[in-house]
Protein backbone atom coordinates (compact mmCIF):
# COMPACT_ATOMS: atom_id res chain seq x y z
CA MET A 1 25.88 6.48 -1.66
CA LEU A 2 26.89 9.97 -0.84
CA LEU A 3 24.35 11.62 -3.31
CA ARG A 4 21.47 9.49 -1.43
CA VAL A 5 23.11 10.74 1.68
CA LEU A 6 22.50 14.26 0.57
CA ARG A 7 18.85 13.77 -0.74
CA SER A 8 17.92 12.38 2.80
CA THR A 9 19.30 14.69 4.67
CA ARG A 10 17.48 17.57 2.52
CA VAL A 11 14.39 15.50 3.28
CA TRP A 12 14.66 15.79 6.98
CA LEU A 13 15.81 19.53 7.04
CA VAL A 14 12.76 20.44 4.80
CA LEU A 15 10.41 18.05 7.18
CA LEU A 16 12.48 20.14 10.47
CA ALA A 17 11.66 23.41 8.90
CA GLY A 18 8.00 21.88 8.54
CA VAL A 19 7.69 21.36 12.05
CA VAL A 20 9.44 24.61 13.46
CA VAL A 21 7.15 26.85 11.31
CA TRP A 22 4.11 24.78 12.43
CA GLN A 23 5.07 25.53 16.10
CA ILE A 24 6.26 29.10 15.71
CA ALA A 25 2.47 29.32 13.74
CA VAL A 26 0.57 27.76 16.57
CA THR A 27 2.33 29.38 18.93
CA VAL A 28 2.38 33.05 17.44
CA LEU A 29 -1.34 32.87 16.38
CA ASP A 30 -2.56 31.13 19.68
CA LEU A 31 -4.74 28.53 17.99
CA PRO A 32 -6.37 26.20 20.05
CA ASN A 33 -5.86 22.56 20.42
CA TYR A 34 -8.67 21.08 19.02
CA ILE A 35 -8.28 23.33 16.10
CA LEU A 36 -4.35 22.40 15.64
CA PRO A 37 -2.41 21.15 18.16
CA SER A 38 1.18 22.12 18.26
CA PRO A 39 3.80 19.46 17.34
CA VAL A 40 4.95 19.77 21.20
CA ARG A 41 1.32 18.77 21.84
CA VAL A 42 1.44 15.87 19.75
CA VAL A 43 4.28 14.45 20.95
CA THR A 44 3.11 14.88 24.41
CA GLU A 45 -0.15 13.33 23.24
CA PHE A 46 2.01 10.16 21.80
CA ALA A 47 4.54 9.59 25.07
CA ASN A 48 1.45 9.79 27.71
CA ARG A 49 0.03 6.91 25.98
CA PRO A 50 2.41 5.34 23.82
CA LEU A 51 1.21 1.22 24.36
CA LEU A 52 -2.42 2.51 23.29
CA TYR A 53 -0.59 3.55 19.94
CA LEU A 54 1.83 0.98 19.30
CA GLN A 55 -0.55 -1.58 19.76
CA ALA A 56 -3.27 -0.46 17.50
CA THR A 57 -0.24 0.10 14.76
CA LEU A 58 0.86 -3.61 15.20
CA VAL A 59 -3.15 -4.51 14.68
CA THR A 60 -3.02 -2.03 11.59
CA THR A 61 0.39 -3.32 10.41
CA TRP A 62 -1.09 -7.16 10.44
CA GLU A 63 -3.96 -6.26 8.62
CA SER A 64 -2.24 -4.40 6.27
CA LEU A 65 0.01 -7.52 5.50
CA VAL A 66 -2.58 -10.18 5.53
CA GLY A 67 -4.60 -7.81 2.63
CA PHE A 68 -1.35 -6.79 1.09
CA GLY A 69 -0.21 -10.36 0.58
CA ALA A 70 -3.44 -11.63 -0.67
CA ALA A 71 -3.24 -9.11 -3.40
CA VAL A 72 0.16 -9.92 -4.00
CA VAL A 73 -0.49 -14.22 -4.73
CA LEU A 74 -4.06 -13.55 -6.20
CA GLY A 75 -2.89 -10.77 -8.32
CA VAL A 76 0.02 -12.61 -9.92
CA VAL A 77 -1.28 -15.66 -10.68
CA LEU A 78 -4.65 -14.33 -12.12
CA GLY A 79 -2.27 -11.80 -14.11
CA VAL A 80 0.06 -14.69 -15.18
CA LEU A 81 -3.68 -16.71 -16.32
CA ILE A 82 -5.07 -13.93 -17.95
CA ALA A 83 -1.81 -13.04 -19.90
CA ARG A 84 -1.37 -16.41 -21.18
CA SER A 85 -5.33 -17.34 -21.48
CA ARG A 86 -7.44 -15.62 -23.86
CA LEU A 87 -10.62 -17.41 -22.27
CA THR A 88 -9.63 -16.76 -18.76
CA GLU A 89 -8.96 -12.75 -19.96
CA GLU A 90 -12.62 -12.71 -21.60
CA LEU A 91 -14.02 -14.67 -18.49
CA LEU A 92 -12.73 -12.57 -15.71
CA TYR A 93 -12.10 -9.07 -17.18
CA PRO A 94 -15.55 -7.54 -16.74
CA TYR A 95 -16.10 -8.82 -13.44
CA LEU A 96 -12.60 -7.10 -13.13
CA ASN A 97 -13.40 -3.77 -14.44
CA VAL A 98 -16.72 -3.50 -12.68
CA LEU A 99 -14.92 -4.14 -9.16
CA ARG A 100 -12.03 -1.65 -10.18
CA VAL A 101 -14.39 1.46 -11.25
CA THR A 102 -16.57 0.86 -7.72
CA PRO A 103 -15.44 3.23 -4.76
CA THR A 104 -14.40 0.37 -2.02
CA VAL A 105 -15.75 2.88 -0.22
CA ALA A 106 -19.19 2.09 -1.29
CA ILE A 107 -18.03 -1.72 -0.94
CA ALA A 108 -17.24 -1.18 2.46
CA PRO A 109 -20.58 -1.18 4.02
CA LEU A 110 -21.51 -3.87 2.31
CA LEU A 111 -18.68 -6.16 3.33
CA THR A 112 -19.84 -5.34 7.08
CA ILE A 113 -23.26 -6.41 6.73
CA TRP A 114 -22.04 -9.61 4.75
CA PHE A 115 -18.88 -10.47 7.02
CA GLY A 116 -19.72 -8.50 10.54
CA ARG A 117 -17.51 -6.13 11.69
CA GLY A 118 -13.90 -7.13 12.40
CA PHE A 119 -11.05 -8.58 10.92
CA LEU A 120 -12.34 -10.40 7.57
CA PRO A 121 -14.16 -7.36 6.19
CA ILE A 122 -11.32 -4.96 7.23
CA VAL A 123 -8.96 -7.33 4.89
CA VAL A 124 -11.18 -7.66 2.27
CA VAL A 125 -11.24 -3.85 1.74
CA SER A 126 -7.20 -3.55 2.02
CA PHE A 127 -7.00 -6.44 -0.37
CA LEU A 128 -9.29 -4.68 -3.42
CA ILE A 129 -7.33 -1.78 -2.93
CA ALA A 130 -4.04 -3.42 -3.33
CA PHE A 131 -5.29 -5.97 -6.30
CA PHE A 132 -5.44 -4.06 -8.97
CA PRO A 133 -2.70 -2.34 -10.01
CA ILE A 134 -0.59 -6.37 -9.56
CA ILE A 135 -2.87 -7.71 -11.64
CA VAL A 136 -2.79 -4.61 -14.40
CA GLN A 137 1.16 -4.48 -14.20
CA THR A 138 1.94 -8.10 -14.40
CA VAL A 139 -0.36 -8.79 -17.32
CA LEU A 140 1.49 -5.81 -18.58
CA GLY A 141 4.65 -7.42 -18.00
CA LEU A 142 4.15 -10.40 -19.32
CA ASN A 143 3.13 -9.36 -22.47
CA SER A 144 5.40 -6.68 -23.49
CA ALA A 145 8.07 -9.68 -23.45
CA ASP A 146 10.76 -9.40 -26.71
CA ARG A 147 8.93 -11.50 -29.07
CA GLY A 148 12.09 -12.15 -31.00
CA LEU A 149 12.99 -13.68 -27.91
CA VAL A 150 10.20 -15.46 -27.37
CA ASP A 151 9.91 -17.01 -31.17
CA VAL A 152 13.55 -18.29 -30.63
CA LEU A 153 12.61 -20.27 -27.83
CA ARG A 154 9.73 -21.74 -29.90
CA ILE A 155 12.09 -22.67 -32.64
CA ALA A 156 13.79 -24.38 -29.76
CA ASN A 157 10.71 -26.65 -28.88
CA ALA A 158 10.41 -24.81 -25.56
CA GLY A 159 7.09 -25.19 -23.83
CA GLU A 160 5.06 -22.29 -22.73
CA LEU A 161 6.42 -22.71 -19.38
CA GLN A 162 10.04 -22.79 -20.20
CA ILE A 163 8.85 -19.44 -21.94
CA LEU A 164 7.14 -18.14 -19.06
CA ARG A 165 10.19 -19.14 -16.31
CA LYS A 166 12.83 -17.87 -18.74
CA ILE A 167 11.19 -14.56 -20.66
CA ARG A 168 8.30 -13.57 -19.72
CA LEU A 169 8.18 -13.64 -15.84
CA PRO A 170 11.91 -11.86 -15.73
CA ASN A 171 10.48 -9.34 -18.03
CA ALA A 172 7.78 -9.00 -15.78
CA LEU A 173 9.52 -8.52 -12.76
CA PRO A 174 10.07 -4.60 -13.10
CA TYR A 175 6.54 -4.33 -13.73
CA ILE A 176 5.53 -6.27 -10.70
CA PHE A 177 7.52 -4.46 -8.33
CA ALA A 178 6.36 -1.19 -9.56
CA SER A 179 2.66 -2.06 -8.73
CA PHE A 180 3.76 -3.22 -5.10
CA ARG A 181 5.45 0.19 -4.70
CA ILE A 182 1.83 1.02 -5.42
CA SER A 183 -0.14 -1.58 -3.67
CA ALA A 184 1.50 -1.74 0.07
CA PRO A 185 1.09 1.90 0.93
CA GLY A 186 -2.82 1.29 -0.74
CA ALA A 187 -3.20 -1.73 1.72
CA VAL A 188 -2.51 0.38 4.45
CA ILE A 189 -5.35 3.22 3.36
CA GLY A 190 -7.93 -0.04 2.46
CA THR A 191 -7.27 -0.99 6.00
CA LEU A 192 -7.49 2.40 7.37
CA VAL A 193 -10.96 2.70 5.25
CA GLY A 194 -12.02 -0.94 6.58
CA GLU A 195 -11.49 0.05 10.39
CA PHE A 196 -13.45 3.28 9.88
CA MET A 197 -16.51 1.44 8.76
CA SER A 198 -16.14 -2.08 11.09
CA GLY A 199 -13.24 -1.98 13.13
CA SER A 200 -12.86 -2.20 17.08
CA GLN A 201 -9.41 -1.79 17.14
CA GLY A 202 -6.30 -0.23 15.08
CA LEU A 203 -5.34 3.34 13.48
CA GLY A 204 -8.53 3.93 11.78
CA PHE A 205 -10.92 2.72 14.58
CA LEU A 206 -8.95 5.55 16.86
CA ILE A 207 -9.00 8.01 14.65
CA THR A 208 -12.89 7.76 14.29
CA THR A 209 -12.97 8.09 18.02
CA ALA A 210 -10.78 10.59 18.54
CA SER A 211 -12.45 12.64 15.94
CA GLY A 212 -15.39 11.91 17.70
CA GLN A 213 -13.80 13.51 20.73
CA LEU A 214 -12.55 16.39 19.22
CA ASN A 215 -8.97 15.09 20.43
CA THR A 216 -6.82 16.45 17.80
CA SER A 217 -3.67 15.73 19.03
CA SER A 218 -4.71 12.07 19.28
CA VAL A 219 -5.77 12.16 15.48
CA PHE A 220 -2.14 13.88 14.30
CA VAL A 221 -0.88 11.06 16.14
CA LEU A 222 -2.59 8.36 14.64
CA VAL A 223 -2.28 10.25 10.65
CA VAL A 224 1.84 10.50 11.12
CA LEU A 225 1.83 6.27 12.54
CA SER A 226 -0.33 5.42 9.45
CA SER A 227 1.88 7.45 7.25
CA LEU A 228 4.91 5.95 8.80
CA LEU A 229 3.13 2.28 8.26
CA GLY A 230 2.86 3.29 4.49
CA ILE A 231 5.90 4.36 4.25
CA ALA A 232 7.95 1.75 5.94
CA MET A 233 5.77 -1.03 3.45
CA PHE A 234 6.81 1.18 0.74
CA GLN A 235 10.50 1.02 1.49
CA VAL A 236 10.75 -2.84 2.42
CA CYS A 237 9.25 -3.50 -1.39
CA VAL A 238 11.88 -1.21 -2.96
CA LEU A 239 14.54 -3.07 -0.90
CA VAL A 240 13.23 -6.80 -1.87
CA GLU A 241 13.05 -5.16 -5.35
CA ARG A 242 16.62 -3.99 -5.30
CA ARG A 243 17.70 -7.70 -4.55
CA VAL A 244 15.51 -9.38 -6.88
CA VAL A 245 15.89 -7.26 -9.91
CA ARG A 246 19.14 -5.71 -9.27
CA TRP A 247 19.90 -5.83 -12.95
CA HIS A 248 17.11 -3.35 -13.90
CA PRO A 249 17.65 0.71 -14.29
CA SER A 250 14.63 1.10 -11.94
CA VAL A 251 16.23 -0.06 -8.71
CA SER A 252 18.61 3.26 -9.08
CA LEU A 253 15.29 5.38 -8.87
């Protein structure tokens, strides 16, 4: 516990030092605000319009949670089906591979054409970015179960559902939660991309608006809020993982 506190203290000290250097550099070099605003200007910008930024953060949070939640449900379910059924793997993997190698940014405009502007295309982009790590890690975790234990249960006349529940799924949980760590911040990134393309509110929409107005202070505020949202979703996944798979060595990382 003490080691974690010390590590956290070091991180905050490094961040504070970076902010101080940033403030000094802007002051000494006399950089214009539209090029690089000072930390003081960024904080002032947030203080002048806190409700606007907080409301946008709530919108982006909700869209990210929906996209991530859909990715969790569909990714785990399809991962189980693919891991246990050769036919399902042969039918789905070609389409999954095509989607995986297709840049999501290229798909986003099509989603806007198909579904219009607003919530649905944004959530779909968020889902697409979060989905693939989950399904890949789920399949990997299920298929890496100890074959000796699986054979023992089969000798004891255990069904595939019992083997899945008692051996394969517990073995896959660390892999699944590792994918959540990747996918949760990825869902935020996908939401921002969707808001860039078809949003009318949210952090991504405000970033596009502020950039067009050369309001760099506002862009910095929005970038910081987006980063904090991604970190928060990552940390929630870590906390849940420590509760669910506390027996695994990875929870101490």
